Amino acid sequence: MAPSVAAALTLAGAASLGLSMRRLPAWASQISGLSVLGLGPLRLYGLAYDAPEMERVGAYLALPTALALVLVGIAAFLVRPDEGLAGLLMNAGIMSPLGRR
């Protein structure tokens, strides 16, 4: 297993553990989910644009694993859409259009 995959799976586990504990604030697990979400597209961008510099971080990251990391990151970020960072982006208030930009 590549070190980048091990780090991403560890962060995904921390995000799911944080989501199972309702005492912790939602942003604690959402930041881990965003970290996982940030690692998956590096491999996808490297393949799409033929940029080997972007693939160095995920050098041993297979395409299905990259897609799975993207999905896990999105799921961990949007589990509690009304709380934390996702709440800022998903609500209909004044801050949500600013946060989406």
PDB file of N, CA and C in Angstrom:
ATOM      1  N   MET A   1       0.842  -1.164   0.000  1.00  0.00           N
ATOM      2  CA  MET A   1       0.000   0.000   0.000  1.00  0.00           C
ATOM      3  C   MET A   1       0.890   1.231   0.000  1.00  0.00           C
ATOM      4  N   ALA A   2       0.530   2.179  -0.820  1.00  0.00           N
ATOM      5  CA  ALA A   2       1.296   3.425  -0.908  1.00  0.00           C
ATOM      6  C   ALA A   2       1.097   4.262   0.352  1.00  0.00           C
ATOM      7  N   PRO A   3       2.102   5.037   0.719  1.00  0.00           N
ATOM      8  CA  PRO A   3       1.950   5.884   1.900  1.00  0.00           C
ATOM      9  C   PRO A   3       0.818   6.901   1.765  1.00  0.00           C
ATOM     10  N   SER A   4       0.571   7.396   0.549  1.00  0.00           N
ATOM     11  CA  SER A   4      -0.517   8.355   0.363  1.00  0.00           C
ATOM     12  C   SER A   4      -1.876   7.697   0.582  1.00  0.00           C
ATOM     13  N   VAL A   5      -2.015   6.448   0.160  1.00  0.00           N
ATOM     14  CA  VAL A   5      -3.273   5.726   0.375  1.00  0.00           C
ATOM     15  C   VAL A   5      -3.455   5.422   1.858  1.00  0.00           C
ATOM     16  N   ALA A   6      -2.382   5.038   2.524  1.00  0.00           N
ATOM     17  CA  ALA A   6      -2.477   4.757   3.961  1.00  0.00           C
ATOM     18  C   ALA A   6      -2.857   6.012   4.736  1.00  0.00           C
ATOM     19  N   ALA A   7      -2.274   7.149   4.364  1.00  0.00           N
ATOM     20  CA  ALA A   7      -2.623   8.402   5.037  1.00  0.00           C
ATOM     21  C   ALA A   7      -4.074   8.784   4.769  1.00  0.00           C
ATOM     22  N   ALA A   8      -4.528   8.607   3.530  1.00  0.00           N
ATOM     23  CA  ALA A   8      -5.912   8.948   3.196  1.00  0.00           C
ATOM     24  C   ALA A   8      -6.894   8.041   3.918  1.00  0.00           C
ATOM     25  N   LEU A   9      -6.592   6.753   4.004  1.00  0.00           N
ATOM     26  CA  LEU A   9      -7.490   5.839   4.708  1.00  0.00           C
ATOM     27  C   LEU A   9      -7.489   6.097   6.209  1.00  0.00           C
ATOM     28  N   THR A  10      -6.354   6.505   6.756  1.00  0.00           N
ATOM     29  CA  THR A  10      -6.310   6.875   8.165  1.00  0.00           C
ATOM     30  C   THR A  10      -7.158   8.111   8.428  1.00  0.00           C
ATOM     31  N   LEU A  11      -7.061   9.102   7.547  1.00  0.00           N
ATOM     32  CA  LEU A  11      -7.891  10.300   7.683  1.00  0.00           C
ATOM     33  C   LEU A  11      -9.374   9.984   7.503  1.00  0.00           C
ATOM     34  N   ALA A  12      -9.686   9.073   6.586  1.00  0.00           N
ATOM     35  CA  ALA A  12     -11.084   8.674   6.397  1.00  0.00           C
ATOM     36  C   ALA A  12     -11.612   7.953   7.632  1.00  0.00           C
ATOM     37  N   GLY A  13     -10.784   7.131   8.246  1.00  0.00           N
ATOM     38  CA  GLY A  13     -11.185   6.477   9.487  1.00  0.00           C
ATOM     39  C   GLY A  13     -11.392   7.460  10.618  1.00  0.00           C
ATOM     40  N   ALA A  14     -10.522   8.467  10.699  1.00  0.00           N
ATOM     41  CA  ALA A  14     -10.691   9.502  11.720  1.00  0.00           C
ATOM     42  C   ALA A  14     -11.959  10.305  11.476  1.00  0.00           C
ATOM     43  N   ALA A  15     -12.272  10.561  10.211  1.00  0.00           N
ATOM     44  CA  ALA A  15     -13.503  11.292   9.891  1.00  0.00           C
ATOM     45  C   ALA A  15     -14.735  10.486  10.259  1.00  0.00           C
ATOM     46  N   SER A  16     -14.727   9.192   9.957  1.00  0.00           N
ATOM     47  CA  SER A  16     -15.894   8.374  10.296  1.00  0.00           C
ATOM     48  C   SER A  16     -16.021   8.175  11.804  1.00  0.00           C
ATOM     49  N   LEU A  17     -14.904   8.093  12.496  1.00  0.00           N
ATOM     50  CA  LEU A  17     -14.956   7.994  13.954  1.00  0.00           C
ATOM     51  C   LEU A  17     -15.495   9.289  14.561  1.00  0.00           C
ATOM     52  N   GLY A  18     -15.057  10.418  14.026  1.00  0.00           N
ATOM     53  CA  GLY A  18     -15.557  11.698  14.512  1.00  0.00           C
ATOM     54  C   GLY A  18     -17.031  11.902  14.218  1.00  0.00           C
ATOM     55  N   LEU A  19     -17.498  11.364  13.101  1.00  0.00           N
ATOM     56  CA  LEU A  19     -18.913  11.492  12.760  1.00  0.00           C
ATOM     57  C   LEU A  19     -19.793  10.616  13.632  1.00  0.00           C
ATOM     58  N   SER A  20     -19.243   9.527  14.136  1.00  0.00           N
ATOM     59  CA  SER A  20     -20.054   8.638  14.979  1.00  0.00           C
ATOM     60  C   SER A  20     -20.213   9.189  16.392  1.00  0.00           C
ATOM     61  N   MET A  21     -19.355  10.118  16.783  1.00  0.00           N
ATOM     62  CA  MET A  21     -19.460  10.740  18.108  1.00  0.00           C
ATOM     63  C   MET A  21     -20.175  12.079  17.973  1.00  0.00           C
ATOM     64  N   ARG A  22     -21.378  12.166  18.488  1.00  0.00           N
ATOM     65  CA  ARG A  22     -22.158  13.385  18.348  1.00  0.00           C
ATOM     66  C   ARG A  22     -21.643  14.516  19.251  1.00  0.00           C
ATOM     67  N   ARG A  23     -20.798  14.182  20.222  1.00  0.00           N
ATOM     68  CA  ARG A  23     -20.269  15.225  21.111  1.00  0.00           C
ATOM     69  C   ARG A  23     -19.244  16.098  20.415  1.00  0.00           C
ATOM     70  N   LEU A  24     -18.532  15.527  19.445  1.00  0.00           N
ATOM     71  CA  LEU A  24     -17.528  16.301  18.719  1.00  0.00           C
ATOM     72  C   LEU A  24     -18.211  17.241  17.736  1.00  0.00           C
ATOM     73  N   PRO A  25     -17.633  18.410  17.520  1.00  0.00           N
ATOM     74  CA  PRO A  25     -18.227  19.302  16.520  1.00  0.00           C
ATOM     75  C   PRO A  25     -18.083  18.718  15.115  1.00  0.00           C
ATOM     76  N   ALA A  26     -18.982  19.091  14.250  1.00  0.00           N
ATOM     77  CA  ALA A  26     -19.004  18.523  12.897  1.00  0.00           C
ATOM     78  C   ALA A  26     -17.766  18.907  12.098  1.00  0.00           C
ATOM     79  N   TRP A  27     -17.224  20.098  12.335  1.00  0.00           N
ATOM     80  CA  TRP A  27     -16.088  20.539  11.538  1.00  0.00           C
ATOM     81  C   TRP A  27     -14.852  19.688  11.775  1.00  0.00           C
ATOM     82  N   ALA A  28     -14.768  19.019  12.917  1.00  0.00           N
ATOM     83  CA  ALA A  28     -13.597  18.181  13.201  1.00  0.00           C
ATOM     84  C   ALA A  28     -13.496  17.032  12.207  1.00  0.00           C
ATOM     85  N   SER A  29     -14.609  16.401  11.894  1.00  0.00           N
ATOM     86  CA  SER A  29     -14.580  15.310  10.921  1.00  0.00           C
ATOM     87  C   SER A  29     -14.653  15.825   9.491  1.00  0.00           C
ATOM     88  N   GLN A  30     -15.237  17.004   9.291  1.00  0.00           N
ATOM     89  CA  GLN A  30     -15.331  17.545   7.938  1.00  0.00           C
ATOM     90  C   GLN A  30     -13.961  17.961   7.403  1.00  0.00           C
ATOM     91  N   ILE A  31     -13.086  18.404   8.268  1.00  0.00           N
ATOM     92  CA  ILE A  31     -11.734  18.757   7.821  1.00  0.00           C
ATOM     93  C   ILE A  31     -10.976  17.506   7.383  1.00  0.00           C
ATOM     94  N   SER A  32     -11.163  16.400   8.099  1.00  0.00           N
ATOM     95  CA  SER A  32     -10.539  15.141   7.671  1.00  0.00           C
ATOM     96  C   SER A  32     -11.118  14.681   6.338  1.00  0.00           C
ATOM     97  N   GLY A  33     -12.424  14.853   6.169  1.00  0.00           N
ATOM     98  CA  GLY A  33     -13.057  14.495   4.897  1.00  0.00           C
ATOM     99  C   GLY A  33     -12.547  15.336   3.749  1.00  0.00           C
ATOM    100  N   LEU A  34     -12.326  16.622   3.982  1.00  0.00           N
ATOM    101  CA  LEU A  34     -11.777  17.481   2.937  1.00  0.00           C
ATOM    102  C   LEU A  34     -10.337  17.119   2.611  1.00  0.00           C
ATOM    103  N   SER A  35      -9.586  16.652   3.605  1.00  0.00           N
ATOM    104  CA  SER A  35      -8.213  16.206   3.346  1.00  0.00           C
ATOM    105  C   SER A  35      -8.199  14.977   2.451  1.00  0.00           C
ATOM    106  N   VAL A  36      -9.104  14.050   2.709  1.00  0.00           N
ATOM    107  CA  VAL A  36      -9.217  12.860   1.857  1.00  0.00           C
ATOM    108  C   VAL A  36      -9.658  13.274   0.462  1.00  0.00           C
ATOM    109  N   LEU A  37     -10.596  14.186   0.410  1.00  0.00           N
ATOM    110  CA  LEU A  37     -11.085  14.670  -0.880  1.00  0.00           C
ATOM    111  C   LEU A  37      -9.997  15.399  -1.660  1.00  0.00           C
ATOM    112  N   GLY A  38      -9.062  16.002  -0.989  1.00  0.00           N
ATOM    113  CA  GLY A  38      -7.969  16.686  -1.671  1.00  0.00           C
ATOM    114  C   GLY A  38      -6.930  15.748  -2.257  1.00  0.00           C
ATOM    115  N   LEU A  39      -6.793  14.563  -1.712  1.00  0.00           N
ATOM    116  CA  LEU A  39      -5.767  13.640  -2.188  1.00  0.00           C
ATOM    117  C   LEU A  39      -6.211  12.863  -3.424  1.00  0.00           C
ATOM    118  N   GLY A  40      -7.466  12.496  -3.499  1.00  0.00           N
ATOM    119  CA  GLY A  40      -7.962  11.717  -4.629  1.00  0.00           C
ATOM    120  C   GLY A  40      -7.834  12.404  -5.978  1.00  0.00           C
ATOM    121  N   PRO A  41      -8.239  13.668  -6.091  1.00  0.00           N
ATOM    122  CA  PRO A  41      -8.153  14.330  -7.399  1.00  0.00           C
ATOM    123  C   PRO A  41      -6.744  14.580  -7.903  1.00  0.00           C
ATOM    124  N   LEU A  42      -5.733  14.522  -7.045  1.00  0.00           N
ATOM    125  CA  LEU A  42      -4.366  14.720  -7.534  1.00  0.00           C
ATOM    126  C   LEU A  42      -4.009  13.693  -8.597  1.00  0.00           C
ATOM    127  N   ARG A  43      -4.370  12.456  -8.341  1.00  0.00           N
ATOM    128  CA  ARG A  43      -4.104  11.403  -9.320  1.00  0.00           C
ATOM    129  C   ARG A  43      -4.968  11.587 -10.563  1.00  0.00           C
ATOM    130  N   LEU A  44      -6.221  11.988 -10.356  1.00  0.00           N
ATOM    131  CA  LEU A  44      -7.112  12.176 -11.494  1.00  0.00           C
ATOM    132  C   LEU A  44      -6.655  13.337 -12.373  1.00  0.00           C
ATOM    133  N   TYR A  45      -6.214  14.433 -11.764  1.00  0.00           N
ATOM    134  CA  TYR A  45      -5.707  15.560 -12.543  1.00  0.00           C
ATOM    135  C   TYR A  45      -4.414  15.195 -13.259  1.00  0.00           C
ATOM    136  N   GLY A  46      -3.578  14.428 -12.594  1.00  0.00           N
ATOM    137  CA  GLY A  46      -2.335  14.001 -13.230  1.00  0.00           C
ATOM    138  C   GLY A  46      -2.583  13.134 -14.445  1.00  0.00           C
ATOM    139  N   LEU A  47      -3.587  12.272 -14.379  1.00  0.00           N
ATOM    140  CA  LEU A  47      -3.929  11.444 -15.532  1.00  0.00           C
ATOM    141  C   LEU A  47      -4.605  12.264 -16.627  1.00  0.00           C
ATOM    142  N   ALA A  48      -5.506  13.160 -16.246  1.00  0.00           N
ATOM    143  CA  ALA A  48      -6.267  13.915 -17.230  1.00  0.00           C
ATOM    144  C   ALA A  48      -5.391  14.891 -18.010  1.00  0.00           C
ATOM    145  N   TYR A  49      -4.452  15.545 -17.324  1.00  0.00           N
ATOM    146  CA  TYR A  49      -3.635  16.562 -17.970  1.00  0.00           C
ATOM    147  C   TYR A  49      -2.229  16.084 -18.315  1.00  0.00           C
ATOM    148  N   ASP A  50      -1.969  14.812 -18.106  1.00  0.00           N
ATOM    149  CA  ASP A  50      -0.660  14.231 -18.381  1.00  0.00           C
ATOM    150  C   ASP A  50       0.441  15.042 -17.707  1.00  0.00           C
ATOM    151  N   ALA A  51       0.237  15.283 -16.419  1.00  0.00           N
ATOM    152  CA  ALA A  51       1.192  16.048 -15.614  1.00  0.00           C
ATOM    153  C   ALA A  51       1.809  15.131 -14.569  1.00  0.00           C
ATOM    154  N   PRO A  52       3.009  14.618 -14.824  1.00  0.00           N
ATOM    155  CA  PRO A  52       3.630  13.700 -13.867  1.00  0.00           C
ATOM    156  C   PRO A  52       3.960  14.350 -12.525  1.00  0.00           C
ATOM    157  N   GLU A  53       4.071  15.686 -12.495  1.00  0.00           N
ATOM    158  CA  GLU A  53       4.355  16.362 -11.227  1.00  0.00           C
ATOM    159  C   GLU A  53       3.207  16.189 -10.242  1.00  0.00           C
ATOM    160  N   MET A  54       1.987  16.144 -10.759  1.00  0.00           N
ATOM    161  CA  MET A  54       0.828  16.006  -9.890  1.00  0.00           C
ATOM    162  C   MET A  54       0.629  14.571  -9.429  1.00  0.00           C
ATOM    163  N   GLU A  55       1.219  13.634 -10.147  1.00  0.00           N
ATOM    164  CA  GLU A  55       1.062  12.229  -9.795  1.00  0.00           C
ATOM    165  C   GLU A  55       2.092  11.767  -8.774  1.00  0.00           C
ATOM    166  N   ARG A  56       3.089  12.571  -8.458  1.00  0.00           N
ATOM    167  CA  ARG A  56       4.118  12.126  -7.519  1.00  0.00           C
ATOM    168  C   ARG A  56       3.562  11.859  -6.141  1.00  0.00           C
ATOM    169  N   VAL A  57       2.603  12.665  -5.712  1.00  0.00           N
ATOM    170  CA  VAL A  57       2.010  12.455  -4.392  1.00  0.00           C
ATOM    171  C   VAL A  57       1.255  11.147  -4.370  1.00  0.00           C
ATOM    172  N   GLY A  58       0.504  10.876  -5.421  1.00  0.00           N
ATOM    173  CA  GLY A  58      -0.261   9.632  -5.494  1.00  0.00           C
ATOM    174  C   GLY A  58       0.334   8.686  -6.503  1.00  0.00           C
ATOM    175  N   ALA A  59       1.648   8.479  -6.456  1.00  0.00           N
ATOM    176  CA  ALA A  59       2.338   7.701  -7.485  1.00  0.00           C
ATOM    177  C   ALA A  59       1.832   6.264  -7.567  1.00  0.00           C
ATOM    178  N   TYR A  60       1.496   5.687  -6.436  1.00  0.00           N
ATOM    179  CA  TYR A  60       1.027   4.313  -6.450  1.00  0.00           C
ATOM    180  C   TYR A  60      -0.476   4.243  -6.194  1.00  0.00           C
ATOM    181  N   LEU A  61      -1.145   5.306  -6.474  1.00  0.00           N
ATOM    182  CA  LEU A  61      -2.580   5.391  -6.260  1.00  0.00           C
ATOM    183  C   LEU A  61      -3.282   4.979  -7.544  1.00  0.00           C
ATOM    184  N   ALA A  62      -4.011   3.891  -7.506  1.00  0.00           N
ATOM    185  CA  ALA A  62      -4.708   3.409  -8.689  1.00  0.00           C
ATOM    186  C   ALA A  62      -5.927   4.276  -8.965  1.00  0.00           C
ATOM    187  N   LEU A  63      -6.388   4.233 -10.194  1.00  0.00           N
ATOM    188  CA  LEU A  63      -7.535   5.041 -10.591  1.00  0.00           C
ATOM    189  C   LEU A  63      -8.795   4.705  -9.797  1.00  0.00           C
ATOM    190  N   PRO A  64      -9.158   3.419  -9.604  1.00  0.00           N
ATOM    191  CA  PRO A  64     -10.339   3.139  -8.784  1.00  0.00           C
ATOM    192  C   PRO A  64     -10.193   3.601  -7.333  1.00  0.00           C
ATOM    193  N   THR A  65      -8.978   3.530  -6.801  1.00  0.00           N
ATOM    194  CA  THR A  65      -8.751   3.999  -5.439  1.00  0.00           C
ATOM    195  C   THR A  65      -8.913   5.510  -5.359  1.00  0.00           C
ATOM    196  N   ALA A  66      -8.432   6.225  -6.370  1.00  0.00           N
ATOM    197  CA  ALA A  66      -8.600   7.676  -6.395  1.00  0.00           C
ATOM    198  C   ALA A  66     -10.070   8.059  -6.448  1.00  0.00           C
ATOM    199  N   LEU A  67     -10.847   7.363  -7.258  1.00  0.00           N
ATOM    200  CA  LEU A  67     -12.282   7.634  -7.329  1.00  0.00           C
ATOM    201  C   LEU A  67     -12.973   7.314  -6.011  1.00  0.00           C
ATOM    202  N   ALA A  68     -12.562   6.238  -5.375  1.00  0.00           N
ATOM    203  CA  ALA A  68     -13.154   5.881  -4.081  1.00  0.00           C
ATOM    204  C   ALA A  68     -12.805   6.912  -3.008  1.00  0.00           C
ATOM    205  N   LEU A  69     -11.589   7.435  -3.038  1.00  0.00           N
ATOM    206  CA  LEU A  69     -11.203   8.466  -2.069  1.00  0.00           C
ATOM    207  C   LEU A  69     -12.008   9.745  -2.273  1.00  0.00           C
ATOM    208  N   VAL A  70     -12.284  10.088  -3.518  1.00  0.00           N
ATOM    209  CA  VAL A  70     -13.114  11.260  -3.795  1.00  0.00           C
ATOM    210  C   VAL A  70     -14.515  11.057  -3.221  1.00  0.00           C
ATOM    211  N   LEU A  71     -15.091   9.899  -3.443  1.00  0.00           N
ATOM    212  CA  LEU A  71     -16.436   9.624  -2.930  1.00  0.00           C
ATOM    213  C   LEU A  71     -16.476   9.586  -1.406  1.00  0.00           C
ATOM    214  N   VAL A  72     -15.463   8.998  -0.784  1.00  0.00           N
ATOM    215  CA  VAL A  72     -15.404   8.949   0.678  1.00  0.00           C
ATOM    216  C   VAL A  72     -15.232  10.349   1.258  1.00  0.00           C
ATOM    217  N   GLY A  73     -14.422  11.166   0.613  1.00  0.00           N
ATOM    218  CA  GLY A  73     -14.228  12.534   1.080  1.00  0.00           C
ATOM    219  C   GLY A  73     -15.495  13.365   0.985  1.00  0.00           C
ATOM    220  N   ILE A  74     -16.222  13.226  -0.120  1.00  0.00           N
ATOM    221  CA  ILE A  74     -17.488  13.941  -0.266  1.00  0.00           C
ATOM    222  C   ILE A  74     -18.498  13.461   0.756  1.00  0.00           C
ATOM    223  N   ALA A  75     -18.559  12.154   0.963  1.00  0.00           N
ATOM    224  CA  ALA A  75     -19.507  11.607   1.940  1.00  0.00           C
ATOM    225  C   ALA A  75     -19.184  12.062   3.353  1.00  0.00           C
ATOM    226  N   ALA A  76     -17.905  12.076   3.717  1.00  0.00           N
ATOM    227  CA  ALA A  76     -17.533  12.500   5.064  1.00  0.00           C
ATOM    228  C   ALA A  76     -17.797  13.987   5.267  1.00  0.00           C
ATOM    229  N   PHE A  77     -17.689  14.765   4.207  1.00  0.00           N
ATOM    230  CA  PHE A  77     -17.946  16.197   4.342  1.00  0.00           C
ATOM    231  C   PHE A  77     -19.445  16.494   4.438  1.00  0.00           C
ATOM    232  N   LEU A  78     -20.262  15.728   3.740  1.00  0.00           N
ATOM    233  CA  LEU A  78     -21.683  16.046   3.660  1.00  0.00           C
ATOM    234  C   LEU A  78     -22.586  15.178   4.535  1.00  0.00           C
ATOM    235  N   VAL A  79     -22.032  14.437   5.483  1.00  0.00           N
ATOM    236  CA  VAL A  79     -22.872  13.617   6.355  1.00  0.00           C
ATOM    237  C   VAL A  79     -23.781  14.496   7.202  1.00  0.00           C
ATOM    238  N   ARG A  80     -23.239  15.552   7.747  1.00  0.00           N
ATOM    239  CA  ARG A  80     -24.036  16.511   8.524  1.00  0.00           C
ATOM    240  C   ARG A  80     -24.094  17.833   7.757  1.00  0.00           C
ATOM    241  N   PRO A  81     -25.010  17.957   6.784  1.00  0.00           N
ATOM    242  CA  PRO A  81     -25.000  19.134   5.925  1.00  0.00           C
ATOM    243  C   PRO A  81     -25.498  20.414   6.592  1.00  0.00           C
ATOM    244  N   ASP A  82     -26.076  20.305   7.763  1.00  0.00           N
ATOM    245  CA  ASP A  82     -26.587  21.501   8.418  1.00  0.00           C
ATOM    246  C   ASP A  82     -25.676  22.002   9.537  1.00  0.00           C
ATOM    247  N   GLU A  83     -24.519  21.376   9.723  1.00  0.00           N
ATOM    248  CA  GLU A  83     -23.594  21.767  10.786  1.00  0.00           C
ATOM    249  C   GLU A  83     -22.208  22.022  10.219  1.00  0.00           C
ATOM    250  N   GLY A  84     -21.441  22.815  10.910  1.00  0.00           N
ATOM    251  CA  GLY A  84     -20.034  23.026  10.580  1.00  0.00           C
ATOM    252  C   GLY A  84     -19.804  23.727   9.259  1.00  0.00           C
ATOM    253  N   LEU A  85     -18.726  23.323   8.591  1.00  0.00           N
ATOM    254  CA  LEU A  85     -18.347  23.946   7.324  1.00  0.00           C
ATOM    255  C   LEU A  85     -19.358  23.671   6.226  1.00  0.00           C
ATOM    256  N   ALA A  86     -19.905  22.473   6.207  1.00  0.00           N
ATOM    257  CA  ALA A  86     -20.921  22.150   5.196  1.00  0.00           C
ATOM    258  C   ALA A  86     -22.173  22.981   5.410  1.00  0.00           C
ATOM    259  N   GLY A  87     -22.488  23.293   6.658  1.00  0.00           N
ATOM    260  CA  GLY A  87     -23.641  24.136   6.940  1.00  0.00           C
ATOM    261  C   GLY A  87     -23.481  25.532   6.378  1.00  0.00           C
ATOM    262  N   LEU A  88     -22.249  26.041   6.371  1.00  0.00           N
ATOM    263  CA  LEU A  88     -22.008  27.355   5.781  1.00  0.00           C
ATOM    264  C   LEU A  88     -22.222  27.351   4.271  1.00  0.00           C
ATOM    265  N   LEU A  89     -21.872  26.233   3.639  1.00  0.00           N
ATOM    266  CA  LEU A  89     -21.993  26.159   2.187  1.00  0.00           C
ATOM    267  C   LEU A  89     -23.389  25.759   1.718  1.00  0.00           C
ATOM    268  N   MET A  90     -24.111  24.990   2.522  1.00  0.00           N
ATOM    269  CA  MET A  90     -25.372  24.420   2.071  1.00  0.00           C
ATOM    270  C   MET A  90     -26.606  25.223   2.467  1.00  0.00           C
ATOM    271  N   ASN A  91     -26.492  26.147   3.415  1.00  0.00           N
ATOM    272  CA  ASN A  91     -27.693  26.844   3.853  1.00  0.00           C
ATOM    273  C   ASN A  91     -28.086  27.933   2.860  1.00  0.00           C
ATOM    274  N   ALA A  92     -29.228  28.526   3.101  1.00  0.00           N
ATOM    275  CA  ALA A  92     -29.755  29.539   2.182  1.00  0.00           C
ATOM    276  C   ALA A  92     -29.510  30.950   2.692  1.00  0.00           C
ATOM    277  N   GLY A  93     -28.657  31.116   3.657  1.00  0.00           N
ATOM    278  CA  GLY A  93     -28.397  32.428   4.231  1.00  0.00           C
ATOM    279  C   GLY A  93     -27.476  33.275   3.380  1.00  0.00           C
ATOM    280  N   ILE A  94     -27.014  34.347   3.965  1.00  0.00           N
ATOM    281  CA  ILE A  94     -26.172  35.306   3.251  1.00  0.00           C
ATOM    282  C   ILE A  94     -24.769  34.760   3.021  1.00  0.00           C
ATOM    283  N   MET A  95     -24.248  33.979   3.941  1.00  0.00           N
ATOM    284  CA  MET A  95     -22.864  33.498   3.838  1.00  0.00           C
ATOM    285  C   MET A  95     -22.688  32.375   2.824  1.00  0.00           C
ATOM    286  N   SER A  96     -23.732  31.635   2.480  1.00  0.00           N
ATOM    287  CA  SER A  96     -23.559  30.483   1.597  1.00  0.00           C
ATOM    288  C   SER A  96     -23.108  30.864   0.189  1.00  0.00           C
ATOM    289  N   PRO A  97     -23.639  31.896  -0.482  1.00  0.00           N
ATOM    290  CA  PRO A  97     -23.083  32.236  -1.801  1.00  0.00           C
ATOM    291  C   PRO A  97     -21.626  32.679  -1.719  1.00  0.00           C
ATOM    292  N   LEU A  98     -21.273  33.377  -0.651  1.00  0.00           N
ATOM    293  CA  LEU A  98     -19.881  33.808  -0.493  1.00  0.00           C
ATOM    294  C   LEU A  98     -18.970  32.607  -0.275  1.00  0.00           C
ATOM    295  N   GLY A  99     -19.420  31.635   0.509  1.00  0.00           N
ATOM    296  CA  GLY A  99     -18.621  30.438   0.757  1.00  0.00           C
ATOM    297  C   GLY A  99     -18.482  29.570  -0.481  1.00  0.00           C
ATOM    298  N   ARG A 100     -19.497  29.517  -1.319  1.00  0.00           N
ATOM    299  CA  ARG A 100     -19.428  28.699  -2.537  1.00  0.00           C
ATOM    300  C   ARG A 100     -18.464  29.276  -3.546  1.00  0.00           C
ATOM    301  N   ARG A 101     -18.305  30.571  -3.543  1.00  0.00           N
ATOM    302  CA  ARG A 101     -17.370  31.190  -4.486  1.00  0.00           C
ATOM    303  C   ARG A 101     -15.952  30.990  -4.035  1.00  0.00           C
TER     304      ARG A 101
END
